[in-house]
Amino acid sequence: MTKVTIDDIVFDDPDQDIPRNPGPLDIEWWYEHRIQEYKIPGYKDMTQATSNEVLLHCRITIRTTETGGVKRSTKASDGYLKFRALQRLIKSAGPYKVQTSLWKCDEMYLKGSPKFRQVAGEDDWVGTWTLEFVEKHDG
C-alpha cells in the first residue's frame, strides 16, 4: 500500500532495510458532512447543511508482523518495536500527526477504542491494529 506515519512511528519506510513492517492493510480518510433532513408533509422534504466546515477523519488498519519470517532477536525486530510504540501511543488521545504520501493532518486525536487483535499461534506482538483518528479543532 503506502508509507504511513503516525507521529514518529513509520510503517513501510523505504529508507529502512528489508525486512520491515508493511504499510497499512487498509486506510480510510473522510469528512463527515452534517446534513439535516426535514420531513415536510405533502411537499418535497427539505435539507440543510448545519456546518460550513467539517473535520477530517482517518481509520487505519495496520499489522505488526514478524517482518517476513526472518528471525532476529525479539527485542530488535521491527515488528516488536512497532508493537511497543503503538502500545504506548494508544494510552493517550494525542494529538498526533498522521500522514501518507497524499493525505496529512498535523494534529489528530485518537478516537474511540483503539484495538489490537491477535491470532492463536503467532508471536505476542504479531497482530492487527485498528486506529481511528479525528482532526483536532479545539475551538
N, C-alpha and C. Protein backbone atom coordinates (compact mmCIF):
# COMPACT_ATOMS: atom_id res chain seq x y z
N MET A 1 0.85 -1.17 0.00
CA MET A 1 0.00 0.00 0.00
C MET A 1 0.89 1.23 0.00
N THR A 2 1.06 1.87 1.08
CA THR A 2 1.79 3.13 1.12
C THR A 2 2.42 3.34 2.48
N LYS A 3 3.45 4.12 2.49
CA LYS A 3 4.09 4.51 3.74
C LYS A 3 3.10 5.35 4.55
N VAL A 4 2.99 5.05 5.83
CA VAL A 4 2.14 5.83 6.72
C VAL A 4 2.95 6.18 7.96
N THR A 5 2.76 7.41 8.42
CA THR A 5 3.44 7.89 9.62
C THR A 5 2.40 8.31 10.64
N ILE A 6 2.52 7.77 11.83
CA ILE A 6 1.68 8.17 12.95
C ILE A 6 2.63 8.71 14.00
N ASP A 7 2.65 10.03 14.12
CA ASP A 7 3.62 10.73 14.96
C ASP A 7 5.03 10.37 14.50
N ASP A 8 5.79 9.65 15.30
CA ASP A 8 7.15 9.29 14.88
C ASP A 8 7.27 7.80 14.50
N ILE A 9 6.14 7.11 14.37
CA ILE A 9 6.13 5.69 14.00
C ILE A 9 5.92 5.61 12.49
N VAL A 10 6.87 5.02 11.78
CA VAL A 10 6.79 4.96 10.32
C VAL A 10 6.62 3.50 9.89
N PHE A 11 5.55 3.24 9.15
CA PHE A 11 5.31 1.91 8.60
C PHE A 11 5.66 1.91 7.12
N ASP A 12 6.31 0.85 6.68
CA ASP A 12 6.77 0.67 5.30
C ASP A 12 7.68 1.82 4.87
N ASP A 13 8.65 2.10 5.72
CA ASP A 13 9.62 3.17 5.47
C ASP A 13 10.63 2.69 4.43
N PRO A 14 10.65 3.27 3.22
CA PRO A 14 11.58 2.80 2.19
C PRO A 14 13.04 3.05 2.55
N ASP A 15 13.30 3.90 3.54
CA ASP A 15 14.67 4.15 3.98
C ASP A 15 15.19 3.04 4.90
N GLN A 16 14.30 2.18 5.37
CA GLN A 16 14.70 1.09 6.25
C GLN A 16 14.91 -0.18 5.42
N ASP A 17 15.93 -0.93 5.78
CA ASP A 17 16.22 -2.17 5.06
C ASP A 17 15.09 -3.17 5.21
N ILE A 18 15.00 -4.07 4.23
CA ILE A 18 14.06 -5.18 4.30
C ILE A 18 14.73 -6.28 5.10
N PRO A 19 14.07 -7.01 5.97
CA PRO A 19 12.63 -6.98 6.18
C PRO A 19 12.21 -5.84 7.10
N ARG A 20 11.05 -5.26 6.82
CA ARG A 20 10.48 -4.21 7.64
C ARG A 20 8.98 -4.41 7.69
N ASN A 21 8.35 -3.76 8.64
CA ASN A 21 6.89 -3.87 8.75
C ASN A 21 6.22 -3.23 7.55
N PRO A 22 5.16 -3.85 7.06
CA PRO A 22 4.48 -3.34 5.87
C PRO A 22 3.67 -2.09 6.18
N GLY A 23 3.18 -1.46 5.12
CA GLY A 23 2.27 -0.34 5.27
C GLY A 23 0.92 -0.84 5.75
N PRO A 24 -0.06 0.05 5.80
CA PRO A 24 -1.38 -0.35 6.32
C PRO A 24 -2.08 -1.36 5.43
N LEU A 25 -2.86 -2.22 6.06
CA LEU A 25 -3.72 -3.14 5.32
C LEU A 25 -4.85 -2.36 4.68
N ASP A 26 -5.29 -1.32 5.39
CA ASP A 26 -6.41 -0.53 4.93
C ASP A 26 -6.32 0.85 5.58
N ILE A 27 -6.61 1.88 4.83
CA ILE A 27 -6.65 3.22 5.39
C ILE A 27 -7.79 3.99 4.74
N GLU A 28 -8.59 4.66 5.55
CA GLU A 28 -9.71 5.44 5.06
C GLU A 28 -9.57 6.87 5.56
N TRP A 29 -9.82 7.82 4.68
CA TRP A 29 -9.87 9.24 5.03
C TRP A 29 -11.25 9.72 4.64
N TRP A 30 -11.90 10.53 5.48
CA TRP A 30 -13.21 11.05 5.11
C TRP A 30 -13.55 12.30 5.92
N TYR A 31 -14.52 13.03 5.36
CA TYR A 31 -15.16 14.15 6.05
C TYR A 31 -16.59 13.74 6.32
N GLU A 32 -17.10 14.13 7.47
CA GLU A 32 -18.46 13.79 7.84
C GLU A 32 -19.30 15.06 7.76
N HIS A 33 -19.97 15.26 6.63
CA HIS A 33 -20.80 16.45 6.45
C HIS A 33 -22.08 16.30 7.26
N ARG A 34 -22.48 17.37 7.91
CA ARG A 34 -23.69 17.34 8.72
C ARG A 34 -24.83 17.94 7.90
N ILE A 35 -25.72 17.09 7.48
CA ILE A 35 -26.88 17.49 6.69
C ILE A 35 -28.13 17.08 7.47
N GLN A 36 -28.98 18.03 7.73
CA GLN A 36 -30.23 17.76 8.45
C GLN A 36 -31.35 17.63 7.42
N GLU A 37 -32.17 16.61 7.57
CA GLU A 37 -33.33 16.42 6.70
C GLU A 37 -34.60 16.72 7.48
N TYR A 38 -35.49 17.47 6.87
CA TYR A 38 -36.77 17.81 7.49
C TYR A 38 -37.88 17.21 6.65
N LYS A 39 -38.76 16.44 7.27
CA LYS A 39 -39.91 15.84 6.60
C LYS A 39 -41.02 16.89 6.53
N ILE A 40 -41.43 17.22 5.32
CA ILE A 40 -42.47 18.22 5.11
C ILE A 40 -43.70 17.49 4.56
N PRO A 41 -44.77 17.37 5.34
CA PRO A 41 -45.96 16.64 4.88
C PRO A 41 -46.56 17.26 3.61
N GLY A 42 -46.74 16.44 2.59
CA GLY A 42 -47.39 16.88 1.37
C GLY A 42 -46.47 17.63 0.40
N TYR A 43 -45.22 17.85 0.78
CA TYR A 43 -44.30 18.58 -0.09
C TYR A 43 -42.98 17.83 -0.15
N LYS A 44 -42.13 18.27 -1.02
CA LYS A 44 -40.77 17.69 -1.09
C LYS A 44 -40.03 18.01 0.21
N ASP A 45 -39.36 16.99 0.76
CA ASP A 45 -38.61 17.20 2.01
C ASP A 45 -37.54 18.26 1.82
N MET A 46 -37.09 18.85 2.92
CA MET A 46 -36.11 19.92 2.89
C MET A 46 -34.80 19.43 3.54
N THR A 47 -33.68 19.88 3.02
CA THR A 47 -32.38 19.56 3.61
C THR A 47 -31.65 20.85 3.94
N GLN A 48 -30.74 20.74 4.93
CA GLN A 48 -29.97 21.91 5.33
C GLN A 48 -28.60 21.45 5.82
N ALA A 49 -27.55 22.08 5.30
CA ALA A 49 -26.21 21.84 5.82
C ALA A 49 -26.09 22.61 7.12
N THR A 50 -25.67 21.93 8.19
CA THR A 50 -25.64 22.58 9.50
C THR A 50 -24.24 23.03 9.92
N SER A 51 -23.27 22.89 9.04
CA SER A 51 -21.94 23.45 9.33
C SER A 51 -21.24 23.75 8.01
N ASN A 52 -20.44 24.81 8.02
CA ASN A 52 -19.70 25.19 6.82
C ASN A 52 -18.39 24.43 6.70
N GLU A 53 -17.82 24.03 7.82
CA GLU A 53 -16.56 23.31 7.81
C GLU A 53 -16.71 22.02 8.62
N VAL A 54 -16.06 20.98 8.15
CA VAL A 54 -16.13 19.69 8.84
C VAL A 54 -14.72 19.19 9.12
N LEU A 55 -14.62 18.21 9.99
CA LEU A 55 -13.34 17.67 10.43
C LEU A 55 -12.91 16.48 9.58
N LEU A 56 -11.61 16.34 9.39
CA LEU A 56 -11.04 15.19 8.69
C LEU A 56 -10.97 14.00 9.64
N HIS A 57 -11.39 12.85 9.16
CA HIS A 57 -11.33 11.60 9.92
C HIS A 57 -10.41 10.62 9.21
N CYS A 58 -9.86 9.69 9.97
CA CYS A 58 -8.96 8.68 9.40
C CYS A 58 -9.09 7.40 10.20
N ARG A 59 -9.18 6.26 9.51
CA ARG A 59 -9.17 4.95 10.17
C ARG A 59 -8.06 4.13 9.51
N ILE A 60 -7.14 3.63 10.33
CA ILE A 60 -6.01 2.87 9.83
C ILE A 60 -6.07 1.46 10.40
N THR A 61 -5.98 0.48 9.53
CA THR A 61 -5.84 -0.91 9.95
C THR A 61 -4.43 -1.32 9.53
N ILE A 62 -3.64 -1.68 10.51
CA ILE A 62 -2.22 -1.96 10.25
C ILE A 62 -1.80 -3.21 11.02
N ARG A 63 -0.80 -3.89 10.54
CA ARG A 63 -0.37 -5.14 11.17
C ARG A 63 1.08 -5.05 11.60
N THR A 64 1.31 -5.41 12.85
CA THR A 64 2.69 -5.59 13.30
C THR A 64 3.03 -7.05 13.04
N THR A 65 4.16 -7.28 12.38
CA THR A 65 4.48 -8.63 11.90
C THR A 65 5.84 -9.10 12.40
N GLU A 66 6.15 -10.32 12.02
CA GLU A 66 7.46 -10.91 12.30
C GLU A 66 8.43 -10.52 11.19
N THR A 67 8.11 -9.50 10.43
CA THR A 67 8.95 -8.95 9.35
C THR A 67 9.45 -10.02 8.39
N GLY A 68 8.50 -10.68 7.77
CA GLY A 68 8.83 -11.61 6.70
C GLY A 68 9.40 -12.93 7.15
N GLY A 69 9.23 -13.29 8.41
CA GLY A 69 9.69 -14.58 8.88
C GLY A 69 11.18 -14.64 9.20
N VAL A 70 11.88 -13.54 9.06
CA VAL A 70 13.31 -13.53 9.39
C VAL A 70 13.44 -13.46 10.89
N LYS A 71 14.08 -14.43 11.47
CA LYS A 71 14.21 -14.49 12.92
C LYS A 71 15.40 -13.66 13.38
N ARG A 72 15.10 -12.63 14.10
CA ARG A 72 16.11 -11.84 14.78
C ARG A 72 15.73 -11.87 16.24
N SER A 73 16.54 -11.27 17.07
CA SER A 73 16.15 -11.26 18.47
C SER A 73 14.85 -10.49 18.61
N THR A 74 13.97 -10.95 19.47
CA THR A 74 12.66 -10.34 19.66
C THR A 74 12.78 -8.85 19.91
N LYS A 75 13.68 -8.44 20.76
CA LYS A 75 13.79 -7.04 21.16
C LYS A 75 14.27 -6.14 20.03
N ALA A 76 14.86 -6.71 18.97
CA ALA A 76 15.41 -5.89 17.89
C ALA A 76 14.55 -5.92 16.64
N SER A 77 13.53 -6.78 16.59
CA SER A 77 12.76 -6.89 15.35
C SER A 77 11.90 -5.64 15.15
N ASP A 78 11.74 -5.27 13.89
CA ASP A 78 10.95 -4.10 13.54
C ASP A 78 9.50 -4.26 14.02
N GLY A 79 8.96 -5.47 13.89
CA GLY A 79 7.59 -5.72 14.33
C GLY A 79 7.41 -5.50 15.81
N TYR A 80 8.35 -5.98 16.61
CA TYR A 80 8.28 -5.81 18.06
C TYR A 80 8.39 -4.33 18.42
N LEU A 81 9.30 -3.62 17.79
CA LEU A 81 9.47 -2.19 18.09
C LEU A 81 8.23 -1.39 17.72
N LYS A 82 7.60 -1.72 16.59
CA LYS A 82 6.37 -1.04 16.19
C LYS A 82 5.23 -1.38 17.17
N PHE A 83 5.16 -2.64 17.59
CA PHE A 83 4.16 -3.05 18.58
C PHE A 83 4.29 -2.23 19.85
N ARG A 84 5.50 -2.12 20.38
CA ARG A 84 5.72 -1.37 21.63
C ARG A 84 5.38 0.12 21.45
N ALA A 85 5.73 0.68 20.28
CA ALA A 85 5.44 2.09 20.02
C ALA A 85 3.92 2.32 19.96
N LEU A 86 3.19 1.44 19.28
CA LEU A 86 1.74 1.58 19.22
C LEU A 86 1.09 1.33 20.57
N GLN A 87 1.65 0.43 21.35
CA GLN A 87 1.15 0.15 22.68
C GLN A 87 1.23 1.41 23.56
N ARG A 88 2.31 2.17 23.41
CA ARG A 88 2.46 3.43 24.15
C ARG A 88 1.50 4.49 23.58
N LEU A 89 1.38 4.53 22.26
CA LEU A 89 0.57 5.55 21.60
C LEU A 89 -0.90 5.48 22.02
N ILE A 90 -1.47 4.29 22.12
CA ILE A 90 -2.90 4.17 22.39
C ILE A 90 -3.27 4.53 23.83
N LYS A 91 -2.30 4.77 24.69
CA LYS A 91 -2.59 5.17 26.06
C LYS A 91 -3.06 6.61 26.16
N SER A 92 -2.85 7.40 25.11
CA SER A 92 -3.19 8.81 25.13
C SER A 92 -4.01 9.18 23.89
N ALA A 93 -4.90 10.14 24.04
CA ALA A 93 -5.71 10.61 22.91
C ALA A 93 -4.90 11.46 21.94
N GLY A 94 -3.75 11.91 22.35
CA GLY A 94 -2.91 12.71 21.45
C GLY A 94 -2.97 14.18 21.79
N PRO A 95 -2.77 15.03 20.84
CA PRO A 95 -2.90 14.85 19.40
C PRO A 95 -1.65 14.25 18.75
N TYR A 96 -1.86 13.65 17.56
CA TYR A 96 -0.81 13.02 16.79
C TYR A 96 -0.81 13.56 15.36
N LYS A 97 0.33 13.50 14.73
CA LYS A 97 0.44 13.83 13.31
C LYS A 97 0.24 12.52 12.54
N VAL A 98 -0.68 12.51 11.58
CA VAL A 98 -0.96 11.32 10.78
C VAL A 98 -0.82 11.72 9.32
N GLN A 99 -0.01 10.92 8.56
CA GLN A 99 0.15 11.27 7.16
C GLN A 99 0.53 10.09 6.30
N THR A 100 0.11 10.18 5.03
CA THR A 100 0.55 9.29 3.97
C THR A 100 1.14 10.20 2.90
N SER A 101 1.45 9.66 1.74
CA SER A 101 2.05 10.50 0.70
C SER A 101 1.08 11.55 0.17
N LEU A 102 -0.23 11.28 0.18
CA LEU A 102 -1.19 12.22 -0.39
C LEU A 102 -2.14 12.86 0.62
N TRP A 103 -2.17 12.37 1.84
CA TRP A 103 -3.03 12.92 2.89
C TRP A 103 -2.19 13.23 4.10
N LYS A 104 -2.55 14.30 4.83
CA LYS A 104 -1.87 14.55 6.09
C LYS A 104 -2.69 15.48 6.95
N CYS A 105 -2.54 15.32 8.24
CA CYS A 105 -3.18 16.19 9.21
C CYS A 105 -2.20 16.33 10.37
N ASP A 106 -1.79 17.55 10.64
CA ASP A 106 -0.76 17.78 11.65
C ASP A 106 -1.20 17.45 13.07
N GLU A 107 -2.49 17.58 13.34
CA GLU A 107 -2.97 17.27 14.68
C GLU A 107 -4.29 16.53 14.61
N MET A 108 -4.25 15.29 15.09
CA MET A 108 -5.45 14.45 15.15
C MET A 108 -5.51 13.77 16.51
N TYR A 109 -6.73 13.65 17.01
CA TYR A 109 -6.93 12.90 18.25
C TYR A 109 -7.23 11.44 17.91
N LEU A 110 -6.72 10.55 18.75
CA LEU A 110 -7.08 9.13 18.67
C LEU A 110 -8.48 9.00 19.23
N LYS A 111 -9.38 8.47 18.45
CA LYS A 111 -10.80 8.47 18.79
C LYS A 111 -11.26 7.08 19.21
N GLY A 112 -12.27 7.04 20.07
CA GLY A 112 -12.93 5.79 20.38
C GLY A 112 -12.07 4.79 21.12
N SER A 113 -12.13 3.56 20.68
CA SER A 113 -11.44 2.45 21.33
C SER A 113 -10.43 1.82 20.38
N PRO A 114 -9.16 2.23 20.45
CA PRO A 114 -8.17 1.58 19.59
C PRO A 114 -8.08 0.10 19.94
N LYS A 115 -7.90 -0.74 18.92
CA LYS A 115 -7.93 -2.18 19.15
C LYS A 115 -6.69 -2.87 18.59
N PHE A 116 -6.26 -3.93 19.29
CA PHE A 116 -5.20 -4.82 18.82
C PHE A 116 -5.77 -6.22 18.84
N ARG A 117 -5.69 -6.92 17.71
CA ARG A 117 -6.25 -8.27 17.60
C ARG A 117 -5.15 -9.27 17.29
N GLN A 118 -5.04 -10.31 18.14
CA GLN A 118 -4.05 -11.36 17.94
C GLN A 118 -4.75 -12.62 17.44
N VAL A 119 -3.98 -13.46 16.76
CA VAL A 119 -4.48 -14.75 16.30
C VAL A 119 -3.63 -15.83 16.98
N ALA A 120 -4.26 -16.92 17.37
CA ALA A 120 -3.57 -18.01 18.05
C ALA A 120 -2.40 -18.51 17.21
N GLY A 121 -1.31 -18.82 17.88
CA GLY A 121 -0.16 -19.42 17.22
C GLY A 121 0.88 -18.42 16.73
N GLU A 122 0.61 -17.13 16.84
CA GLU A 122 1.58 -16.13 16.41
C GLU A 122 2.26 -15.51 17.63
N ASP A 123 3.39 -14.88 17.39
CA ASP A 123 4.10 -14.20 18.48
C ASP A 123 3.20 -13.15 19.12
N ASP A 124 3.49 -12.80 20.36
CA ASP A 124 2.63 -11.89 21.12
C ASP A 124 2.48 -10.51 20.48
N TRP A 125 3.45 -10.04 19.74
CA TRP A 125 3.38 -8.70 19.16
C TRP A 125 2.86 -8.72 17.72
N VAL A 126 2.58 -9.91 17.19
CA VAL A 126 2.07 -10.02 15.83
C VAL A 126 0.55 -9.93 15.88
N GLY A 127 -0.01 -8.97 15.16
CA GLY A 127 -1.45 -8.80 15.17
C GLY A 127 -1.87 -7.59 14.38
N THR A 128 -3.17 -7.32 14.40
CA THR A 128 -3.76 -6.24 13.62
C THR A 128 -4.27 -5.15 14.54
N TRP A 129 -3.92 -3.92 14.22
CA TRP A 129 -4.34 -2.74 14.97
C TRP A 129 -5.41 -2.00 14.16
N THR A 130 -6.42 -1.51 14.85
CA THR A 130 -7.41 -0.63 14.23
C THR A 130 -7.41 0.67 15.03
N LEU A 131 -7.03 1.75 14.35
CA LEU A 131 -6.88 3.05 14.99
C LEU A 131 -7.72 4.07 14.24
N GLU A 132 -8.56 4.79 14.96
CA GLU A 132 -9.38 5.82 14.32
C GLU A 132 -9.00 7.19 14.89
N PHE A 133 -8.84 8.15 13.99
CA PHE A 133 -8.43 9.50 14.36
C PHE A 133 -9.44 10.52 13.85
N VAL A 134 -9.49 11.66 14.53
CA VAL A 134 -10.30 12.79 14.09
C VAL A 134 -9.46 14.05 14.23
N GLU A 135 -9.59 14.94 13.27
CA GLU A 135 -8.83 16.19 13.25
C GLU A 135 -9.07 16.99 14.53
N LYS A 136 -7.98 17.52 15.08
CA LYS A 136 -8.06 18.35 16.28
C LYS A 136 -8.53 19.74 15.88
N HIS A 137 -9.58 20.19 16.55
CA HIS A 137 -10.05 21.57 16.40
C HIS A 137 -10.69 21.95 17.73
N ASP A 138 -9.89 22.52 18.62
CA ASP A 138 -10.36 22.79 19.99
C ASP A 138 -11.09 24.13 20.11
N GLY A 139 -11.39 24.76 19.00
CA GLY A 139 -12.19 25.97 19.12
C GLY A 139 -11.63 27.12 18.48
